[in-house]
Amino acid sequence: MQILITHGGLASTRVLNFNRLQIVAALALLVALLMLLSGAIYHFVFLTAAREGWPVVSQVVKLVARDETAQRDRFLRENLDAMAKKVGEMQAKLLKLEAMGDRVSGLAGVKPEEFRPLLRPAAPAASVATPMPAPRAGVSGGGQGGPFVPGLGVFEREALDGLNNHVAGLDERTDQTTDLFTLIESRLLEGRLAQLMIPSTTPVQGPVGSGFGFRSDPFTGRAALHTGLDFPADVGTPVQSAAGGMVVATEPHPAYGNLVEIDHGNGLLTRYAHLSKLLVKSGDLVKRGQVVALVGNSGRSTGPHLHFEVLVEGVPQNPARFLAGRAAPPRESGSLARSR
């Protein structure tokens, strides 16, 4: 592209050459200058007109601003409605979760009202409207002015404050429900551990030959206290641990014969007597149902059987109460296999 510049007083003509890149740069610079000029005109004319109340331009500016405010308010209300709907759905789910927590806590033996603190009421939203001072006496229609700065309406501000308070309340209730379920889980785990340590598994499958209580001693014929249950079984029958625990004794005894004692904690101990073979040693940890010995006829015994005892703080208890009815009811005291 060439531009010829001539002048009447000059004999020669000046020629300016421009390539395509220079033309594009010049056009871009021109567009930028026009945008800056239009921005300056808008700022100077329209904002000045709105602030000073020019007759025609101020009305046009107010209409444009009013339309923008209406569109913004409509958009904001639609979003507020969607948020309120979502918060309502969250609240419904939380109510179902709390109801489930109440039912589960009852099964776990936990009273929710004793552990769940009261919900603190949400603090009321601070008023956003500032009261206008009353006009002073003797002053009529004072001047007003200032730039036009659109802001949230009273409705939108109140709706946002209400949603914020509601979400904060839901968050607090969610934390409390989580804590309650954690406590329930802990209680259920404690109960499961306690059940694992209670001797409720029958050590030998089969009927009970002689029960707990007074009976006629098989050797002397006099009345004597039988401190456990006798399970008649063949020699070599596996003997299972009635619960998990630690083996504290594996030794021969004049009356009990070959003996295994297992400590289950909390002062609870089980005793397995008249064994033919011991499969564990002192200090071993055993689990419920683990085979710890074999049935025999050692010690003060009239025939092959297992003598099983449960002691609490060293005091013999009726094992049938711990076996939860798994053992068969005792037979009459005429059994061929009886012990001390």
Protein backbone atom coordinates (compact mmCIF):
# COMPACT_ATOMS: atom_id res chain seq x y z
CA MET A 1 0.00 0.00 0.00
CA GLN A 2 1.35 3.42 -0.98
CA ILE A 3 0.33 6.91 0.12
CA LEU A 4 1.37 9.88 -2.04
CA ILE A 5 1.86 13.24 -0.33
CA THR A 6 2.10 16.31 -2.60
CA HIS A 7 2.43 20.02 -1.85
CA GLY A 8 2.01 22.97 -4.17
CA GLY A 9 5.26 24.63 -3.10
CA LEU A 10 7.35 21.48 -3.53
CA ALA A 11 8.54 20.13 -6.77
CA SER A 12 8.67 16.51 -5.66
CA THR A 13 6.01 14.13 -4.25
CA ARG A 14 6.65 12.04 -1.09
CA VAL A 15 5.65 8.38 -1.21
CA LEU A 16 4.92 6.36 1.99
CA ASN A 17 4.92 2.56 1.72
CA PHE A 18 3.02 0.36 4.26
CA ASN A 19 2.99 -3.39 4.41
CA ARG A 20 0.09 -5.54 5.61
CA LEU A 21 1.42 -5.93 9.17
CA GLN A 22 1.76 -2.18 9.62
CA ILE A 23 -1.80 -1.64 8.40
CA VAL A 24 -3.18 -4.23 10.85
CA ALA A 25 -1.25 -2.63 13.73
CA ALA A 26 -2.56 0.78 12.79
CA LEU A 27 -6.15 -0.48 12.69
CA ALA A 28 -5.76 -2.15 16.10
CA LEU A 29 -4.36 1.07 17.54
CA LEU A 30 -7.30 2.96 16.08
CA VAL A 31 -9.81 0.56 17.61
CA ALA A 32 -8.12 0.84 21.00
CA LEU A 33 -8.20 4.62 20.82
CA LEU A 34 -11.89 4.55 19.92
CA MET A 35 -12.66 2.25 22.88
CA LEU A 36 -10.76 4.51 25.27
CA LEU A 37 -12.57 7.51 23.87
CA SER A 38 -15.98 5.84 24.20
CA GLY A 39 -15.18 4.81 27.80
CA ALA A 40 -14.17 8.34 28.65
CA ILE A 41 -17.35 9.72 27.04
CA TYR A 42 -19.48 7.15 28.96
CA HIS A 43 -17.80 7.99 32.22
CA PHE A 44 -17.94 11.70 31.72
CA VAL A 45 -21.35 12.05 30.09
CA PHE A 46 -23.54 9.26 31.43
CA LEU A 47 -22.25 9.02 34.98
CA THR A 48 -22.07 12.79 35.27
CA ALA A 49 -25.57 13.01 33.87
CA ALA A 50 -26.87 10.46 36.38
CA ARG A 51 -25.14 12.18 39.27
CA GLU A 52 -26.14 15.72 38.33
CA GLY A 53 -29.56 14.88 36.93
CA TRP A 54 -29.30 16.03 33.32
CA PRO A 55 -32.78 16.18 31.80
CA VAL A 56 -32.63 13.55 29.03
CA VAL A 57 -29.44 11.56 29.53
CA SER A 58 -30.14 10.87 33.21
CA GLN A 59 -33.48 9.27 32.32
CA VAL A 60 -31.80 6.99 29.76
CA VAL A 61 -29.13 5.98 32.30
CA LYS A 62 -31.77 5.22 34.93
CA LEU A 63 -33.71 3.02 32.49
CA VAL A 64 -30.56 1.07 31.55
CA ALA A 65 -29.53 0.68 35.19
CA ARG A 66 -33.06 -0.37 36.17
CA ASP A 67 -33.11 -3.04 33.46
CA GLU A 68 -29.70 -4.38 34.55
CA THR A 69 -30.83 -4.44 38.18
CA ALA A 70 -34.01 -6.29 37.26
CA GLN A 71 -32.07 -8.91 35.31
CA ARG A 72 -29.59 -9.33 38.16
CA ASP A 73 -32.38 -9.66 40.73
CA ARG A 74 -34.19 -12.24 38.61
CA PHE A 75 -31.01 -14.28 38.20
CA LEU A 76 -30.26 -14.03 41.91
CA ARG A 77 -33.75 -15.10 42.94
CA GLU A 78 -33.66 -18.10 40.61
CA ASN A 79 -30.34 -19.17 42.14
CA LEU A 80 -31.67 -18.59 45.66
CA ASP A 81 -34.69 -20.76 44.91
CA ALA A 82 -32.44 -23.56 43.61
CA MET A 83 -30.21 -23.30 46.68
CA ALA A 84 -33.20 -23.33 49.02
CA LYS A 85 -34.54 -26.47 47.30
CA LYS A 86 -31.16 -28.18 47.65
CA VAL A 87 -30.94 -27.23 51.33
CA GLY A 88 -34.43 -28.63 51.87
CA GLU A 89 -33.39 -31.95 50.32
CA MET A 90 -30.30 -32.03 52.57
CA GLN A 91 -32.46 -31.41 55.62
CA ALA A 92 -34.83 -34.24 54.69
CA LYS A 93 -31.89 -36.65 54.30
CA LEU A 94 -30.46 -35.51 57.62
CA LEU A 95 -33.77 -36.13 59.36
CA LYS A 96 -33.84 -39.68 57.99
CA LEU A 97 -30.25 -40.19 59.15
CA GLU A 98 -31.08 -38.91 62.65
CA ALA A 99 -34.11 -41.22 62.85
CA MET A 100 -31.92 -44.16 61.84
CA GLY A 101 -29.36 -43.10 64.44
CA ASP A 102 -32.03 -43.12 67.14
CA ARG A 103 -33.10 -46.65 66.21
CA VAL A 104 -29.55 -47.99 66.01
CA SER A 105 -28.56 -46.28 69.26
CA GLY A 106 -31.39 -48.07 71.01
CA LEU A 107 -30.02 -51.40 69.80
CA ALA A 108 -26.54 -50.41 71.01
CA GLY A 109 -27.78 -49.27 74.41
CA VAL A 110 -26.93 -45.61 73.81
CA LYS A 111 -29.34 -42.82 74.67
CA PRO A 112 -28.90 -40.09 72.03
CA GLU A 113 -30.37 -37.37 74.24
CA GLU A 114 -27.58 -37.93 76.76
CA PHE A 115 -24.77 -37.48 74.26
CA ARG A 116 -26.14 -35.18 71.56
CA PRO A 117 -25.86 -31.56 72.72
CA LEU A 118 -28.73 -29.23 72.07
CA LEU A 119 -28.59 -27.38 68.80
CA ARG A 120 -27.63 -23.79 69.35
CA PRO A 121 -30.20 -21.52 67.73
CA ALA A 122 -28.81 -19.63 64.80
CA ALA A 123 -28.08 -16.02 65.57
CA PRO A 124 -30.56 -13.70 63.87
CA ALA A 125 -29.18 -11.96 60.84
CA ALA A 126 -28.09 -8.42 61.52
CA SER A 127 -30.31 -5.79 60.06
CA VAL A 128 -28.97 -4.42 56.82
CA ALA A 129 -31.24 -1.44 56.64
CA THR A 130 -29.91 1.76 58.18
CA PRO A 131 -32.61 4.10 59.45
CA MET A 132 -32.66 7.49 57.80
CA PRO A 133 -32.24 10.41 60.19
CA ALA A 134 -35.27 12.59 60.59
CA PRO A 135 -35.02 15.94 58.78
CA ARG A 136 -34.07 18.81 60.99
CA ALA A 137 -36.60 21.49 61.66
CA GLY A 138 -36.33 24.43 59.36
CA VAL A 139 -34.62 22.47 56.57
CA SER A 140 -36.86 21.48 53.67
CA GLY A 141 -35.77 19.19 50.86
CA GLY A 142 -32.01 19.08 51.50
CA GLY A 143 -29.79 18.25 48.56
CA GLN A 144 -29.07 14.61 47.76
CA GLY A 145 -26.48 13.04 45.52
CA GLY A 146 -23.72 10.52 45.15
CA PRO A 147 -22.77 7.90 42.54
CA PHE A 148 -25.30 5.22 41.59
CA VAL A 149 -24.00 1.90 43.00
CA PRO A 150 -26.50 -0.98 42.56
CA GLY A 151 -26.61 -3.37 45.52
CA LEU A 152 -28.57 -6.38 46.81
CA GLY A 153 -32.17 -5.72 47.67
CA VAL A 154 -33.62 -6.34 51.10
CA PHE A 155 -35.28 -9.55 49.94
CA GLU A 156 -32.06 -11.00 48.52
CA ARG A 157 -30.05 -10.05 51.61
CA GLU A 158 -32.60 -11.63 53.95
CA ALA A 159 -32.76 -14.77 51.80
CA LEU A 160 -28.98 -15.14 51.76
CA ASP A 161 -28.75 -14.60 55.52
CA GLY A 162 -31.47 -17.20 56.09
CA LEU A 163 -29.73 -19.75 53.84
CA ASN A 164 -26.39 -19.17 55.54
CA ASN A 165 -27.93 -19.71 58.98
CA HIS A 166 -29.76 -22.81 57.76
CA VAL A 167 -26.63 -24.33 56.20
CA ALA A 168 -24.66 -23.61 59.40
CA GLY A 169 -27.33 -25.40 61.44
CA LEU A 170 -27.31 -28.40 59.09
CA ASP A 171 -23.51 -28.57 59.29
CA GLU A 172 -23.64 -28.61 63.10
CA ARG A 173 -26.34 -31.29 63.19
CA THR A 174 -24.35 -33.37 60.71
CA ASP A 175 -21.27 -33.21 62.95
CA GLN A 176 -23.34 -34.25 65.97
CA THR A 177 -24.95 -37.14 64.09
CA THR A 178 -21.50 -38.28 62.96
CA ASP A 179 -20.29 -38.20 66.57
CA LEU A 180 -23.33 -40.21 67.65
CA PHE A 181 -22.69 -42.90 65.04
CA THR A 182 -19.04 -43.03 66.11
CA LEU A 183 -20.14 -43.60 69.70
CA ILE A 184 -22.63 -46.28 68.60
CA GLU A 185 -19.89 -48.03 66.62
CA SER A 186 -17.63 -47.94 69.68
CA ARG A 187 -20.34 -49.40 71.92
CA LEU A 188 -21.14 -52.14 69.43
CA LEU A 189 -17.45 -52.99 69.17
CA GLU A 190 -17.18 -53.10 72.96
CA GLY A 191 -20.16 -55.45 73.09
CA ARG A 192 -18.68 -57.67 70.39
CA LEU A 193 -15.34 -57.84 72.20
CA ALA A 194 -17.11 -58.64 75.46
CA GLN A 195 -19.03 -61.46 73.79
CA LEU A 196 -15.79 -62.86 72.37
CA MET A 197 -14.37 -63.05 75.91
CA ILE A 198 -17.41 -64.76 77.49
CA PRO A 199 -17.16 -68.59 77.61
CA SER A 200 -20.34 -69.40 75.74
CA THR A 201 -19.03 -72.08 73.36
CA THR A 202 -19.48 -75.70 74.45
CA PRO A 203 -15.97 -77.17 74.76
CA VAL A 204 -17.10 -80.70 73.76
CA GLN A 205 -20.12 -81.51 71.66
CA GLY A 206 -22.50 -83.85 73.44
CA PRO A 207 -24.77 -84.17 76.47
CA VAL A 208 -23.78 -83.19 80.00
CA GLY A 209 -23.15 -86.16 82.26
CA SER A 210 -23.05 -84.42 85.63
CA GLY A 211 -24.11 -80.89 86.35
CA PHE A 212 -23.04 -78.13 88.70
CA GLY A 213 -24.09 -78.46 92.36
CA PHE A 214 -24.22 -80.95 95.20
CA ARG A 215 -24.17 -84.67 94.36
CA SER A 216 -23.05 -87.99 95.74
CA ASP A 217 -19.27 -88.24 95.35
CA PRO A 218 -18.43 -91.16 92.99
CA PHE A 219 -15.54 -92.32 95.23
CA THR A 220 -16.78 -91.76 98.80
CA GLY A 221 -20.53 -91.73 98.26
CA ARG A 222 -20.91 -88.68 100.48
CA ALA A 223 -22.56 -85.42 99.42
CA ALA A 224 -20.06 -83.07 97.80
CA LEU A 225 -20.12 -79.96 95.61
CA HIS A 226 -19.43 -80.56 91.93
CA THR A 227 -17.87 -77.30 90.70
CA GLY A 228 -18.34 -77.75 86.95
CA LEU A 229 -19.93 -79.72 84.13
CA ASP A 230 -18.88 -83.19 82.98
CA PHE A 231 -19.01 -83.99 79.24
CA PRO A 232 -18.65 -87.77 78.63
CA ALA A 233 -16.57 -88.37 75.46
CA ASP A 234 -14.10 -90.84 74.01
CA VAL A 235 -10.40 -90.44 74.70
CA GLY A 236 -8.85 -88.19 72.05
CA THR A 237 -11.98 -86.10 71.45
CA PRO A 238 -10.94 -82.46 70.69
CA VAL A 239 -11.53 -79.95 73.46
CA GLN A 240 -12.28 -76.40 72.26
CA SER A 241 -11.70 -73.14 74.08
CA ALA A 242 -15.03 -71.73 75.26
CA ALA A 243 -13.85 -68.15 74.47
CA GLY A 244 -10.80 -66.18 73.46
CA GLY A 245 -8.11 -65.59 76.06
CA MET A 246 -4.61 -66.45 77.28
CA VAL A 247 -3.46 -69.81 78.59
CA VAL A 248 -2.23 -69.38 82.17
CA ALA A 249 -1.71 -73.00 83.27
CA THR A 250 -0.91 -76.33 81.61
CA GLU A 251 0.11 -78.78 84.29
CA PRO A 252 -0.79 -82.09 85.90
CA HIS A 253 -2.95 -81.92 89.03
CA PRO A 254 -3.65 -84.69 91.61
CA ALA A 255 -7.42 -84.27 91.31
CA TYR A 256 -7.90 -82.62 87.90
CA GLY A 257 -5.28 -84.69 86.08
CA ASN A 258 -3.84 -82.96 83.02
CA LEU A 259 -5.20 -79.43 83.29
CA VAL A 260 -5.54 -76.33 81.07
CA GLU A 261 -6.63 -72.94 82.45
CA ILE A 262 -7.47 -69.98 80.20
CA ASP A 263 -7.80 -66.41 81.46
CA HIS A 264 -10.46 -64.38 79.60
CA GLY A 265 -9.95 -61.10 81.45
CA ASN A 266 -12.13 -59.28 83.97
CA GLY A 267 -11.50 -62.04 86.52
CA LEU A 268 -13.03 -64.70 84.25
CA LEU A 269 -11.23 -68.06 83.94
CA THR A 270 -12.13 -71.42 82.43
CA ARG A 271 -10.68 -74.79 83.48
CA TYR A 272 -10.45 -77.99 81.38
CA ALA A 273 -9.55 -81.15 83.33
CA HIS A 274 -8.83 -84.94 82.99
CA LEU A 275 -7.16 -84.39 79.60
CA SER A 276 -5.10 -86.99 77.72
CA LYS A 277 -2.98 -84.51 75.75
CA LEU A 278 -2.30 -80.75 75.98
CA LEU A 279 -2.00 -78.84 72.69
CA VAL A 280 -1.16 -75.42 74.13
CA LYS A 281 1.30 -74.04 76.65
CA SER A 282 1.27 -71.22 79.18
CA GLY A 283 1.35 -67.78 77.58
CA ASP A 284 -0.38 -68.85 74.36
CA LEU A 285 -3.20 -66.67 73.04
CA VAL A 286 -6.18 -68.71 71.90
CA LYS A 287 -9.38 -67.80 70.14
CA ARG A 288 -12.90 -69.03 70.59
CA GLY A 289 -13.34 -72.59 69.28
CA GLN A 290 -9.60 -73.33 69.07
CA VAL A 291 -8.67 -76.91 70.02
CA VAL A 292 -6.51 -76.72 73.17
CA ALA A 293 -6.44 -80.36 74.33
CA LEU A 294 -7.84 -83.88 73.93
CA VAL A 295 -10.30 -85.66 76.22
CA GLY A 296 -8.78 -88.19 78.59
CA ASN A 297 -9.22 -89.99 81.93
CA SER A 298 -6.38 -88.57 84.02
CA GLY A 299 -6.61 -87.53 87.65
CA ARG A 300 -9.52 -88.30 89.97
CA SER A 301 -11.88 -89.69 87.36
CA THR A 302 -13.99 -92.83 86.85
CA GLY A 303 -14.02 -92.72 83.03
CA PRO A 304 -13.14 -90.69 79.92
CA HIS A 305 -14.78 -87.26 80.03
CA LEU A 306 -14.06 -83.53 80.18
CA HIS A 307 -14.53 -81.66 83.41
CA PHE A 308 -15.27 -77.99 82.55
CA GLU A 309 -15.33 -75.14 85.08
CA VAL A 310 -15.97 -71.39 84.93
CA LEU A 311 -14.54 -69.22 87.73
CA VAL A 312 -15.19 -65.51 88.39
CA GLU A 313 -12.62 -63.96 90.73
CA GLY A 314 -11.68 -67.49 91.76
CA VAL A 315 -15.25 -68.47 92.71
CA PRO A 316 -16.77 -71.40 90.75
CA GLN A 317 -19.88 -70.54 88.74
CA ASN A 318 -22.44 -72.69 86.98
CA PRO A 319 -21.02 -73.04 83.43
CA ALA A 320 -24.48 -73.77 82.05
CA ARG A 321 -25.37 -70.10 82.56
CA PHE A 322 -22.49 -69.04 80.32
CA LEU A 323 -23.09 -71.63 77.66
CA ALA A 324 -26.44 -69.94 76.97
CA GLY A 325 -28.35 -73.22 76.67
CA ARG A 326 -25.93 -74.76 74.16
CA ALA A 327 -25.11 -77.60 76.52
CA ALA A 328 -27.68 -80.34 76.94
CA PRO A 329 -29.44 -80.50 80.32
CA PRO A 330 -27.63 -82.61 82.97
CA ARG A 331 -28.57 -86.25 83.31
CA GLU A 332 -29.28 -87.96 86.58
CA SER A 333 -26.31 -88.50 88.89
CA GLY A 334 -25.70 -92.09 87.88
CA SER A 335 -23.30 -91.36 85.08
CA LEU A 336 -20.46 -93.76 84.42
CA ALA A 337 -18.07 -90.82 83.89
CA ARG A 338 -17.94 -88.48 86.83
CA SER A 339 -15.17 -86.49 88.52
CA ARG A 340 -14.57 -84.65 91.76
